[in-house]
Amino acid sequence: HQGTDADAAWFWEPDKLNRMVRRYQPRIVINPRSGWQGDYDVEEGPAPITGPIRHKPWEKTFSLNGAWGYVPEVHVMSADDVVTLLVDAVVRNGNVLANVGPDADGVIPPMQARTLREVGRWLQRYGRAVYGTRPGPLEPVDRLWGMTWRDDRAYLFVHAWPTAELVLPPLPRRVESLRNLSGEGVAWHGGPDGLTVSVEPQDRGRPVTVLEIAMTAE
């Protein structure tokens, strides 16, 4: 067969298959790979993530070694590449599924293991901006910045600084303070026209700068 998963849906009989699965396990979560039906969407591959916040839950899935099974380690994604996809997913209401390819003995090869450890260290430092958050409150701007939030805290992920200052639209609540989780300093001022933020190059993070914004409580 040639084509996409949806093109092959007739082969899997997705209506019949999903009805049977839900009969045995009513609380199961099904992805759309069997055809057109699914509880959440899937975007496969390491291509950049773009666009607005997605209202239906979705998952970005990719393989660190470029294949879904074992292949010799030649092209392995860097931690920076994985973190970039992770950030661009969570600011758009997405989850990440990162695949690894064990060797013949079931061991994760060294290059993939190094990438995983480095991503783990990044999450140890910045996990508060990822875990238990929701996307927003502002829509992301492709390849520039995106946001998550929880309670009275918003987290700004900055991929690039086209100019010395980054100007954001107004936030739904008044900003009380800003903290640079990636470095020592941050300059900012807010007003009716929006929020202006500036971070010196030596205080920016890699591959993204992470800022914590404290807002007035509801």
C-alpha atoms as a PDB file:
ATOM      1  CA  HIS A   1       0.000   0.000   0.000  1.00  0.00           C
ATOM      2  CA  GLN A   2       1.143   3.535  -0.767  1.00  0.00           C
ATOM      3  CA  GLY A   3      -0.022   6.714   0.951  1.00  0.00           C
ATOM      4  CA  THR A   4      -0.910   7.955   4.418  1.00  0.00           C
ATOM      5  CA  ASP A   5      -2.408   6.229   7.454  1.00  0.00           C
ATOM      6  CA  ALA A   6      -5.791   7.693   6.533  1.00  0.00           C
ATOM      7  CA  ASP A   7      -5.472   6.279   3.000  1.00  0.00           C
ATOM      8  CA  ALA A   8      -5.065   2.814   4.528  1.00  0.00           C
ATOM      9  CA  ALA A   9      -7.955   3.139   6.986  1.00  0.00           C
ATOM     10  CA  TRP A  10     -10.108   0.702   4.988  1.00  0.00           C
ATOM     11  CA  PHE A  11      -7.546  -2.011   5.771  1.00  0.00           C
ATOM     12  CA  TRP A  12      -7.829  -1.548   9.541  1.00  0.00           C
ATOM     13  CA  GLU A  13     -11.643  -1.178   9.591  1.00  0.00           C
ATOM     14  CA  PRO A  14     -11.309   1.631  12.179  1.00  0.00           C
ATOM     15  CA  ASP A  15     -15.024   1.896  13.024  1.00  0.00           C
ATOM     16  CA  LYS A  16     -15.215  -1.794  13.872  1.00  0.00           C
ATOM     17  CA  LEU A  17     -11.807  -1.856  15.561  1.00  0.00           C
ATOM     18  CA  ASN A  18     -12.412   1.177  17.800  1.00  0.00           C
ATOM     19  CA  ARG A  19     -15.896   0.000  18.829  1.00  0.00           C
ATOM     20  CA  MET A  20     -14.436  -3.335  19.870  1.00  0.00           C
ATOM     21  CA  VAL A  21     -11.577  -1.715  21.811  1.00  0.00           C
ATOM     22  CA  ARG A  22     -13.915   0.669  23.656  1.00  0.00           C
ATOM     23  CA  ARG A  23     -16.231  -2.205  24.522  1.00  0.00           C
ATOM     24  CA  TYR A  24     -13.380  -3.958  26.328  1.00  0.00           C
ATOM     25  CA  GLN A  25     -11.884  -0.792  27.824  1.00  0.00           C
ATOM     26  CA  PRO A  26     -14.278   2.199  27.883  1.00  0.00           C
ATOM     27  CA  ARG A  27     -11.654   4.532  29.400  1.00  0.00           C
ATOM     28  CA  ILE A  28      -8.969   3.823  26.809  1.00  0.00           C
ATOM     29  CA  VAL A  29      -7.349   6.689  24.885  1.00  0.00           C
ATOM     30  CA  ILE A  30      -6.976   6.028  21.148  1.00  0.00           C
ATOM     31  CA  ASN A  31      -4.731   7.836  18.702  1.00  0.00           C
ATOM     32  CA  PRO A  32      -5.854   8.356  15.082  1.00  0.00           C
ATOM     33  CA  ARG A  33      -3.294   6.038  13.453  1.00  0.00           C
ATOM     34  CA  SER A  34      -5.937   3.435  12.576  1.00  0.00           C
ATOM     35  CA  GLY A  35      -7.677   5.898  10.277  1.00  0.00           C
ATOM     36  CA  TRP A  36      -9.723   9.002  10.812  1.00  0.00           C
ATOM     37  CA  GLN A  37     -10.805   8.502  14.425  1.00  0.00           C
ATOM     38  CA  GLY A  38      -8.907   9.364  17.574  1.00  0.00           C
ATOM     39  CA  ASP A  39      -9.206  11.043  20.939  1.00  0.00           C
ATOM     40  CA  TYR A  40      -6.173  13.205  20.157  1.00  0.00           C
ATOM     41  CA  ASP A  41      -4.161  14.205  17.101  1.00  0.00           C
ATOM     42  CA  VAL A  42      -0.640  13.051  16.210  1.00  0.00           C
ATOM     43  CA  GLU A  43       2.066  14.960  14.341  1.00  0.00           C
ATOM     44  CA  GLU A  44       4.935  12.669  13.409  1.00  0.00           C
ATOM     45  CA  GLY A  45       8.533  13.588  12.634  1.00  0.00           C
ATOM     46  CA  PRO A  46      11.055  16.242  13.685  1.00  0.00           C
ATOM     47  CA  ALA A  47       9.695  19.041  11.475  1.00  0.00           C
ATOM     48  CA  PRO A  48       9.271  22.403  13.272  1.00  0.00           C
ATOM     49  CA  ILE A  49       6.010  23.027  15.107  1.00  0.00           C
ATOM     50  CA  THR A  50       4.175  26.173  14.038  1.00  0.00           C
ATOM     51  CA  GLY A  51       0.788  27.829  14.298  1.00  0.00           C
ATOM     52  CA  PRO A  52      -1.562  28.868  17.103  1.00  0.00           C
ATOM     53  CA  ILE A  53      -2.600  27.009  20.256  1.00  0.00           C
ATOM     54  CA  ARG A  54      -4.479  23.854  19.255  1.00  0.00           C
ATOM     55  CA  HIS A  55      -7.726  23.252  21.091  1.00  0.00           C
ATOM     56  CA  LYS A  56      -7.797  19.471  20.596  1.00  0.00           C
ATOM     57  CA  PRO A  57      -5.124  17.598  22.575  1.00  0.00           C
ATOM     58  CA  TRP A  58      -2.287  16.453  20.335  1.00  0.00           C
ATOM     59  CA  GLU A  59       1.092  14.779  20.441  1.00  0.00           C
ATOM     60  CA  LYS A  60       4.388  15.454  18.682  1.00  0.00           C
ATOM     61  CA  THR A  61       6.190  12.160  18.134  1.00  0.00           C
ATOM     62  CA  PHE A  62       9.666  11.638  16.699  1.00  0.00           C
ATOM     63  CA  SER A  63      12.663   9.341  17.010  1.00  0.00           C
ATOM     64  CA  LEU A  64      16.017  10.512  18.361  1.00  0.00           C
ATOM     65  CA  ASN A  65      17.911   8.348  15.870  1.00  0.00           C
ATOM     66  CA  GLY A  66      15.724   8.983  12.821  1.00  0.00           C
ATOM     67  CA  ALA A  67      14.154   5.502  12.777  1.00  0.00           C
ATOM     68  CA  TRP A  68      11.520   3.656  14.788  1.00  0.00           C
ATOM     69  CA  GLY A  69      13.749   0.630  15.333  1.00  0.00           C
ATOM     70  CA  TYR A  70      17.455   0.073  15.818  1.00  0.00           C
ATOM     71  CA  VAL A  71      19.870   1.636  13.341  1.00  0.00           C
ATOM     72  CA  PRO A  72      23.552   2.456  13.878  1.00  0.00           C
ATOM     73  CA  GLU A  73      24.023   5.838  15.539  1.00  0.00           C
ATOM     74  CA  VAL A  74      24.862   8.279  12.783  1.00  0.00           C
ATOM     75  CA  HIS A  75      22.275  11.053  12.921  1.00  0.00           C
ATOM     76  CA  VAL A  76      21.001  11.577  16.473  1.00  0.00           C
ATOM     77  CA  MET A  77      18.974  14.588  17.519  1.00  0.00           C
ATOM     78  CA  SER A  78      20.697  17.001  19.872  1.00  0.00           C
ATOM     79  CA  ALA A  79      19.231  18.014  23.217  1.00  0.00           C
ATOM     80  CA  ASP A  80      18.713  21.528  21.836  1.00  0.00           C
ATOM     81  CA  ASP A  81      16.592  20.123  18.994  1.00  0.00           C
ATOM     82  CA  VAL A  82      14.493  18.031  21.390  1.00  0.00           C
ATOM     83  CA  VAL A  83      14.001  20.918  23.838  1.00  0.00           C
ATOM     84  CA  THR A  84      12.929  23.204  20.991  1.00  0.00           C
ATOM     85  CA  LEU A  85      10.251  20.714  19.899  1.00  0.00           C
ATOM     86  CA  LEU A  86       9.205  20.156  23.515  1.00  0.00           C
ATOM     87  CA  VAL A  87       8.744  23.880  24.129  1.00  0.00           C
ATOM     88  CA  ASP A  88       6.948  24.468  20.831  1.00  0.00           C
ATOM     89  CA  ALA A  89       4.585  21.592  21.674  1.00  0.00           C
ATOM     90  CA  VAL A  90       3.658  22.592  25.226  1.00  0.00           C
ATOM     91  CA  VAL A  91       2.963  26.216  24.288  1.00  0.00           C
ATOM     92  CA  ARG A  92       0.457  24.846  21.724  1.00  0.00           C
ATOM     93  CA  ASN A  93      -1.338  22.378  24.038  1.00  0.00           C
ATOM     94  CA  GLY A  94       0.781  19.418  22.920  1.00  0.00           C
ATOM     95  CA  ASN A  95       2.532  16.439  24.474  1.00  0.00           C
ATOM     96  CA  VAL A  96       5.849  14.948  23.310  1.00  0.00           C
ATOM     97  CA  LEU A  97       6.605  11.288  22.644  1.00  0.00           C
ATOM     98  CA  ALA A  98      10.339  10.818  21.957  1.00  0.00           C
ATOM     99  CA  ASN A  99      11.340   7.393  20.635  1.00  0.00           C
ATOM    100  CA  VAL A 100      14.708   5.724  21.207  1.00  0.00           C
ATOM    101  CA  GLY A 101      16.250   2.801  19.348  1.00  0.00           C
ATOM    102  CA  PRO A 102      17.934   0.267  21.674  1.00  0.00           C
ATOM    103  CA  ASP A 103      20.775  -1.882  20.351  1.00  0.00           C
ATOM    104  CA  ALA A 104      20.634  -5.678  19.990  1.00  0.00           C
ATOM    105  CA  ASP A 105      21.100  -6.091  23.767  1.00  0.00           C
ATOM    106  CA  GLY A 106      18.307  -3.677  24.647  1.00  0.00           C
ATOM    107  CA  VAL A 107      20.711  -0.920  25.691  1.00  0.00           C
ATOM    108  CA  ILE A 108      20.112   2.693  24.658  1.00  0.00           C
ATOM    109  CA  PRO A 109      23.232   3.628  22.653  1.00  0.00           C
ATOM    110  CA  PRO A 110      25.539   6.367  24.009  1.00  0.00           C
ATOM    111  CA  MET A 111      24.594   9.264  21.709  1.00  0.00           C
ATOM    112  CA  GLN A 112      20.875   8.862  22.388  1.00  0.00           C
ATOM    113  CA  ALA A 113      21.555   8.390  26.110  1.00  0.00           C
ATOM    114  CA  ARG A 114      23.534  11.636  26.156  1.00  0.00           C
ATOM    115  CA  THR A 115      20.674  13.510  24.488  1.00  0.00           C
ATOM    116  CA  LEU A 116      18.196  12.121  27.026  1.00  0.00           C
ATOM    117  CA  ARG A 117      20.414  13.071  29.985  1.00  0.00           C
ATOM    118  CA  GLU A 118      20.846  16.616  28.672  1.00  0.00           C
ATOM    119  CA  VAL A 119      17.087  17.013  28.123  1.00  0.00           C
ATOM    120  CA  GLY A 120      16.582  15.674  31.654  1.00  0.00           C
ATOM    121  CA  ARG A 121      18.967  18.283  33.066  1.00  0.00           C
ATOM    122  CA  TRP A 122      17.081  21.010  31.176  1.00  0.00           C
ATOM    123  CA  LEU A 123      13.780  19.791  32.626  1.00  0.00           C
ATOM    124  CA  GLN A 124      15.255  19.666  36.132  1.00  0.00           C
ATOM    125  CA  ARG A 125      16.023  23.360  35.798  1.00  0.00           C
ATOM    126  CA  TYR A 126      12.936  24.529  33.919  1.00  0.00           C
ATOM    127  CA  GLY A 127      10.337  21.873  34.739  1.00  0.00           C
ATOM    128  CA  ARG A 128       8.147  24.380  36.591  1.00  0.00           C
ATOM    129  CA  ALA A 129       7.507  26.076  33.230  1.00  0.00           C
ATOM    130  CA  VAL A 130       6.405  22.777  31.636  1.00  0.00           C
ATOM    131  CA  TYR A 131       4.805  20.372  34.120  1.00  0.00           C
ATOM    132  CA  GLY A 132       1.243  21.110  35.207  1.00  0.00           C
ATOM    133  CA  THR A 133       0.934  24.181  32.979  1.00  0.00           C
ATOM    134  CA  ARG A 134      -1.487  25.182  30.251  1.00  0.00           C
ATOM    135  CA  PRO A 135      -0.678  26.978  26.970  1.00  0.00           C
ATOM    136  CA  GLY A 136      -1.047  30.751  26.846  1.00  0.00           C
ATOM    137  CA  PRO A 137      -2.298  33.179  27.905  1.00  0.00           C
ATOM    138  CA  LEU A 138      -0.907  34.699  24.673  1.00  0.00           C
ATOM    139  CA  GLU A 139      -0.739  32.954  21.301  1.00  0.00           C
ATOM    140  CA  PRO A 140       2.782  31.836  20.306  1.00  0.00           C
ATOM    141  CA  VAL A 141       4.760  33.530  17.544  1.00  0.00           C
ATOM    142  CA  ASP A 142       6.495  31.028  15.260  1.00  0.00           C
ATOM    143  CA  ARG A 143      10.231  30.670  15.941  1.00  0.00           C
ATOM    144  CA  LEU A 144      10.212  33.667  18.290  1.00  0.00           C
ATOM    145  CA  TRP A 145       8.347  32.950  21.526  1.00  0.00           C
ATOM    146  CA  GLY A 146       5.525  31.114  23.260  1.00  0.00           C
ATOM    147  CA  MET A 147       3.992  30.912  26.726  1.00  0.00           C
ATOM    148  CA  THR A 148       2.603  28.576  29.364  1.00  0.00           C
ATOM    149  CA  TRP A 149       0.856  29.483  32.612  1.00  0.00           C
ATOM    150  CA  ARG A 150      -0.296  28.118  35.952  1.00  0.00           C
ATOM    151  CA  ASP A 151      -2.211  30.036  38.635  1.00  0.00           C
ATOM    152  CA  ASP A 152      -0.656  33.521  38.871  1.00  0.00           C
ATOM    153  CA  ARG A 153       2.533  32.619  36.988  1.00  0.00           C
ATOM    154  CA  ALA A 154       3.184  32.754  33.255  1.00  0.00           C
ATOM    155  CA  TYR A 155       6.321  31.392  31.610  1.00  0.00           C
ATOM    156  CA  LEU A 156       7.772  33.001  28.505  1.00  0.00           C
ATOM    157  CA  PHE A 157      10.026  30.918  26.223  1.00  0.00           C
ATOM    158  CA  VAL A 158      12.082  33.107  23.877  1.00  0.00           C
ATOM    159  CA  HIS A 159      13.706  31.343  20.912  1.00  0.00           C
ATOM    160  CA  ALA A 160      15.177  34.435  19.236  1.00  0.00           C
ATOM    161  CA  TRP A 161      15.732  38.146  19.891  1.00  0.00           C
ATOM    162  CA  PRO A 162      15.378  39.992  16.557  1.00  0.00           C
ATOM    163  CA  THR A 163      16.046  43.254  18.412  1.00  0.00           C
ATOM    164  CA  ALA A 164      17.333  44.132  21.861  1.00  0.00           C
ATOM    165  CA  GLU A 165      13.776  44.354  23.169  1.00  0.00           C
ATOM    166  CA  LEU A 166      10.889  41.928  22.815  1.00  0.00           C
ATOM    167  CA  VAL A 167       7.421  43.503  22.801  1.00  0.00           C
ATOM    168  CA  LEU A 168       4.439  41.331  23.754  1.00  0.00           C
ATOM    169  CA  PRO A 169       0.718  42.161  23.599  1.00  0.00           C
ATOM    170  CA  PRO A 170      -1.002  43.038  26.884  1.00  0.00           C
ATOM    171  CA  LEU A 171      -1.439  40.164  29.323  1.00  0.00           C
ATOM    172  CA  PRO A 172      -4.875  39.486  30.856  1.00  0.00           C
ATOM    173  CA  ARG A 173      -3.598  40.458  34.324  1.00  0.00           C
ATOM    174  CA  ARG A 174      -1.230  43.115  35.608  1.00  0.00           C
ATOM    175  CA  VAL A 175       2.432  42.053  35.710  1.00  0.00           C
ATOM    176  CA  GLU A 176       3.982  42.406  39.151  1.00  0.00           C
ATOM    177  CA  SER A 177       7.492  41.073  38.540  1.00  0.00           C
ATOM    178  CA  LEU A 178       9.692  39.217  36.073  1.00  0.00           C
ATOM    179  CA  ARG A 179      12.386  36.659  36.831  1.00  0.00           C
ATOM    180  CA  ASN A 180      14.977  35.330  34.399  1.00  0.00           C
ATOM    181  CA  LEU A 181      15.296  31.580  35.027  1.00  0.00           C
ATOM    182  CA  SER A 182      18.110  31.354  32.447  1.00  0.00           C
ATOM    183  CA  GLY A 183      20.457  34.022  33.805  1.00  0.00           C
ATOM    184  CA  GLU A 184      21.053  36.865  36.205  1.00  0.00           C
ATOM    185  CA  GLY A 185      19.223  39.828  34.738  1.00  0.00           C
ATOM    186  CA  VAL A 186      16.113  40.984  32.901  1.00  0.00           C
ATOM    187  CA  ALA A 187      14.771  44.460  32.177  1.00  0.00           C
ATOM    188  CA  TRP A 188      11.056  44.987  31.620  1.00  0.00           C
ATOM    189  CA  HIS A 189       8.224  47.452  31.759  1.00  0.00           C
ATOM    190  CA  GLY A 190       4.510  46.936  31.271  1.00  0.00           C
ATOM    191  CA  GLY A 191       1.654  49.167  30.296  1.00  0.00           C
ATOM    192  CA  PRO A 192      -1.605  49.330  28.361  1.00  0.00           C
ATOM    193  CA  ASP A 193       0.262  48.707  25.095  1.00  0.00           C
ATOM    194  CA  GLY A 194       1.865  45.467  26.286  1.00  0.00           C
ATOM    195  CA  LEU A 195       4.946  44.062  27.961  1.00  0.00           C
ATOM    196  CA  THR A 196       8.482  44.966  26.871  1.00  0.00           C
ATOM    197  CA  VAL A 197      11.297  42.600  27.872  1.00  0.00           C
ATOM    198  CA  SER A 198      15.060  42.821  27.390  1.00  0.00           C
ATOM    199  CA  VAL A 199      17.769  40.308  28.345  1.00  0.00           C
ATOM    200  CA  GLU A 200      21.479  40.808  27.735  1.00  0.00           C
ATOM    201  CA  PRO A 201      23.083  38.136  25.500  1.00  0.00           C
ATOM    202  CA  GLN A 202      25.141  36.651  28.354  1.00  0.00           C
ATOM    203  CA  ASP A 203      21.961  36.085  30.376  1.00  0.00           C
ATOM    204  CA  ARG A 204      20.013  34.288  27.644  1.00  0.00           C
ATOM    205  CA  GLY A 205      19.422  30.541  27.727  1.00  0.00           C
ATOM    206  CA  ARG A 206      20.140  27.817  25.218  1.00  0.00           C
ATOM    207  CA  PRO A 207      18.221  26.908  23.133  1.00  0.00           C
ATOM    208  CA  VAL A 208      15.568  29.155  24.695  1.00  0.00           C
ATOM    209  CA  THR A 209      15.480  31.853  27.357  1.00  0.00           C
ATOM    210  CA  VAL A 210      12.900  31.103  30.056  1.00  0.00           C
ATOM    211  CA  LEU A 211      11.300  33.972  31.973  1.00  0.00           C
ATOM    212  CA  GLU A 212       8.864  33.658  34.878  1.00  0.00           C
ATOM    213  CA  ILE A 213       6.169  36.335  34.977  1.00  0.00           C
ATOM    214  CA  ALA A 214       4.322  36.944  38.246  1.00  0.00           C
ATOM    215  CA  MET A 215       0.848  38.397  37.696  1.00  0.00           C
ATOM    216  CA  THR A 216      -1.866  39.675  39.997  1.00  0.00           C
ATOM    217  CA  ALA A 217      -4.147  36.954  41.325  1.00  0.00           C
ATOM    218  CA  GLU A 218      -7.671  36.665  39.966  1.00  0.00           C
END
